[in-house]
Amino acid sequence: MERKGTITIDFDGRLIFIEYTLFFYADSYYIDLPDKNGVRHRFRRTGDTWKYCSLKRLKWPKLFVEIAYRKMDEALLEYTDHIRL
């Protein structure tokens, strides 16, 4: 089952909206986030952290990625709560 949604990130006073796709596959959670050029970047949840697992190089600022990880955690929590219902 996949879930689509939007992550809102307040970065340097700018609100950035990123549409995501979250899904479960082969005992792991994955989330796809597109960049401003539409290239999708995939992250995999391992243990209690997210790992970047796309072939393209991620050029996002470190602080932006840290904020995105927290937002991905929130999206994952909503996803797992939805599955339990």
C-alpha atoms as a PDB file:
ATOM      1  CA  MET A   1       0.000   0.000   0.000  1.00  0.00           C
ATOM      2  CA  GLU A   2       1.410   3.365  -0.906  1.00  0.00           C
ATOM      3  CA  ARG A   3       0.526   6.754   0.467  1.00  0.00           C
ATOM      4  CA  LYS A   4       0.958  10.109  -1.205  1.00  0.00           C
ATOM      5  CA  GLY A   5       1.101  13.385   0.643  1.00  0.00           C
ATOM      6  CA  THR A   6       2.885  16.694   0.980  1.00  0.00           C
ATOM      7  CA  ILE A   7       5.735  17.619   3.300  1.00  0.00           C
ATOM      8  CA  THR A   8       5.919  21.303   4.209  1.00  0.00           C
ATOM      9  CA  ILE A   9       9.381  22.569   5.152  1.00  0.00           C
ATOM     10  CA  ASP A  10      10.109  26.028   6.530  1.00  0.00           C
ATOM     11  CA  PHE A  11      13.656  26.637   5.289  1.00  0.00           C
ATOM     12  CA  ASP A  12      15.279  30.040   5.751  1.00  0.00           C
ATOM     13  CA  GLY A  13      11.874  31.719   5.972  1.00  0.00           C
ATOM     14  CA  ARG A  14      10.586  30.072   2.791  1.00  0.00           C
ATOM     15  CA  LEU A  15       7.869  27.455   2.806  1.00  0.00           C
ATOM     16  CA  ILE A  16       8.756  24.566   0.533  1.00  0.00           C
ATOM     17  CA  PHE A  17       6.126  21.992  -0.384  1.00  0.00           C
ATOM     18  CA  ILE A  18       7.344  18.566  -1.510  1.00  0.00           C
ATOM     19  CA  GLU A  19       4.935  15.887  -2.668  1.00  0.00           C
ATOM     20  CA  TYR A  20       6.054  12.480  -1.466  1.00  0.00           C
ATOM     21  CA  THR A  21       5.216   8.850  -2.071  1.00  0.00           C
ATOM     22  CA  LEU A  22       5.663   6.534   0.914  1.00  0.00           C
ATOM     23  CA  PHE A  23       5.482   2.748   0.617  1.00  0.00           C
ATOM     24  CA  PHE A  24       6.524  -0.521   2.244  1.00  0.00           C
ATOM     25  CA  TYR A  25       8.514  -3.081   0.251  1.00  0.00           C
ATOM     26  CA  ALA A  26      10.646  -6.071   1.269  1.00  0.00           C
ATOM     27  CA  ASP A  27      10.639  -5.358   5.021  1.00  0.00           C
ATOM     28  CA  SER A  28      11.557  -1.671   4.649  1.00  0.00           C
ATOM     29  CA  TYR A  29       9.791   1.656   4.345  1.00  0.00           C
ATOM     30  CA  TYR A  30      10.691   3.863   1.396  1.00  0.00           C
ATOM     31  CA  ILE A  31       9.878   7.461   0.575  1.00  0.00           C
ATOM     32  CA  ASP A  32      10.351   9.180  -2.782  1.00  0.00           C
ATOM     33  CA  LEU A  33      10.876  12.950  -2.808  1.00  0.00           C
ATOM     34  CA  PRO A  34      11.244  14.933  -6.043  1.00  0.00           C
ATOM     35  CA  ASP A  35      13.673  17.842  -6.321  1.00  0.00           C
ATOM     36  CA  LYS A  36      12.912  21.129  -8.086  1.00  0.00           C
ATOM     37  CA  ASN A  37      13.766  19.511 -11.448  1.00  0.00           C
ATOM     38  CA  GLY A  38      11.315  16.669 -10.895  1.00  0.00           C
ATOM     39  CA  VAL A  39      14.029  14.053 -10.270  1.00  0.00           C
ATOM     40  CA  ARG A  40      12.815  11.606  -7.626  1.00  0.00           C
ATOM     41  CA  HIS A  41      15.155  10.828  -4.748  1.00  0.00           C
ATOM     42  CA  ARG A  42      14.524   7.651  -2.750  1.00  0.00           C
ATOM     43  CA  PHE A  43      15.196   7.196   0.946  1.00  0.00           C
ATOM     44  CA  ARG A  44      14.969   3.889   2.850  1.00  0.00           C
ATOM     45  CA  ARG A  45      14.193   3.572   6.540  1.00  0.00           C
ATOM     46  CA  THR A  46      16.800   1.396   8.265  1.00  0.00           C
ATOM     47  CA  GLY A  47      16.401   1.018  11.990  1.00  0.00           C
ATOM     48  CA  ASP A  48      15.593   4.472  13.277  1.00  0.00           C
ATOM     49  CA  THR A  49      17.259   6.487  10.495  1.00  0.00           C
ATOM     50  CA  TRP A  50      16.649   7.301   6.844  1.00  0.00           C
ATOM     51  CA  LYS A  51      19.319   6.350   4.286  1.00  0.00           C
ATOM     52  CA  TYR A  52      19.590   7.923   0.851  1.00  0.00           C
ATOM     53  CA  CYS A  53      19.478   5.177  -1.787  1.00  0.00           C
ATOM     54  CA  SER A  54      19.154   6.821  -5.216  1.00  0.00           C
ATOM     55  CA  LEU A  55      21.752   6.841  -7.953  1.00  0.00           C
ATOM     56  CA  LYS A  56      21.543  10.601  -8.449  1.00  0.00           C
ATOM     57  CA  ARG A  57      23.711  12.751  -6.202  1.00  0.00           C
ATOM     58  CA  LEU A  58      21.728  14.596  -3.547  1.00  0.00           C
ATOM     59  CA  LYS A  59      22.629  18.293  -3.650  1.00  0.00           C
ATOM     60  CA  TRP A  60      20.323  19.542  -0.919  1.00  0.00           C
ATOM     61  CA  PRO A  61      21.785  21.575   1.975  1.00  0.00           C
ATOM     62  CA  LYS A  62      22.484  19.507   5.105  1.00  0.00           C
ATOM     63  CA  LEU A  63      20.050  21.494   7.274  1.00  0.00           C
ATOM     64  CA  PHE A  64      17.308  21.049   4.666  1.00  0.00           C
ATOM     65  CA  VAL A  65      17.879  17.274   4.671  1.00  0.00           C
ATOM     66  CA  GLU A  66      17.720  17.146   8.490  1.00  0.00           C
ATOM     67  CA  ILE A  67      14.381  18.972   8.443  1.00  0.00           C
ATOM     68  CA  ALA A  68      13.155  16.684   5.651  1.00  0.00           C
ATOM     69  CA  TYR A  69      14.103  13.600   7.718  1.00  0.00           C
ATOM     70  CA  ARG A  70      11.949  14.842  10.613  1.00  0.00           C
ATOM     71  CA  LYS A  71       9.056  15.460   8.231  1.00  0.00           C
ATOM     72  CA  MET A  72       9.532  11.990   6.718  1.00  0.00           C
ATOM     73  CA  ASP A  73       9.299  10.539  10.248  1.00  0.00           C
ATOM     74  CA  GLU A  74       5.977  12.351  10.722  1.00  0.00           C
ATOM     75  CA  ALA A  75       4.712  11.007   7.382  1.00  0.00           C
ATOM     76  CA  LEU A  76       5.810   7.479   8.336  1.00  0.00           C
ATOM     77  CA  LEU A  77       3.982   7.726  11.664  1.00  0.00           C
ATOM     78  CA  GLU A  78       0.785   8.823   9.889  1.00  0.00           C
ATOM     79  CA  TYR A  79       1.223   5.962   7.391  1.00  0.00           C
ATOM     80  CA  THR A  80       1.667   3.283  10.062  1.00  0.00           C
ATOM     81  CA  ASP A  81      -1.237   4.657  12.119  1.00  0.00           C
ATOM     82  CA  HIS A  82      -3.428   4.515   8.994  1.00  0.00           C
ATOM     83  CA  ILE A  83      -2.445   0.863   8.361  1.00  0.00           C
ATOM     84  CA  ARG A  84      -3.346  -0.131  11.941  1.00  0.00           C
ATOM     85  CA  LEU A  85      -6.890   1.197  11.494  1.00  0.00           C
END
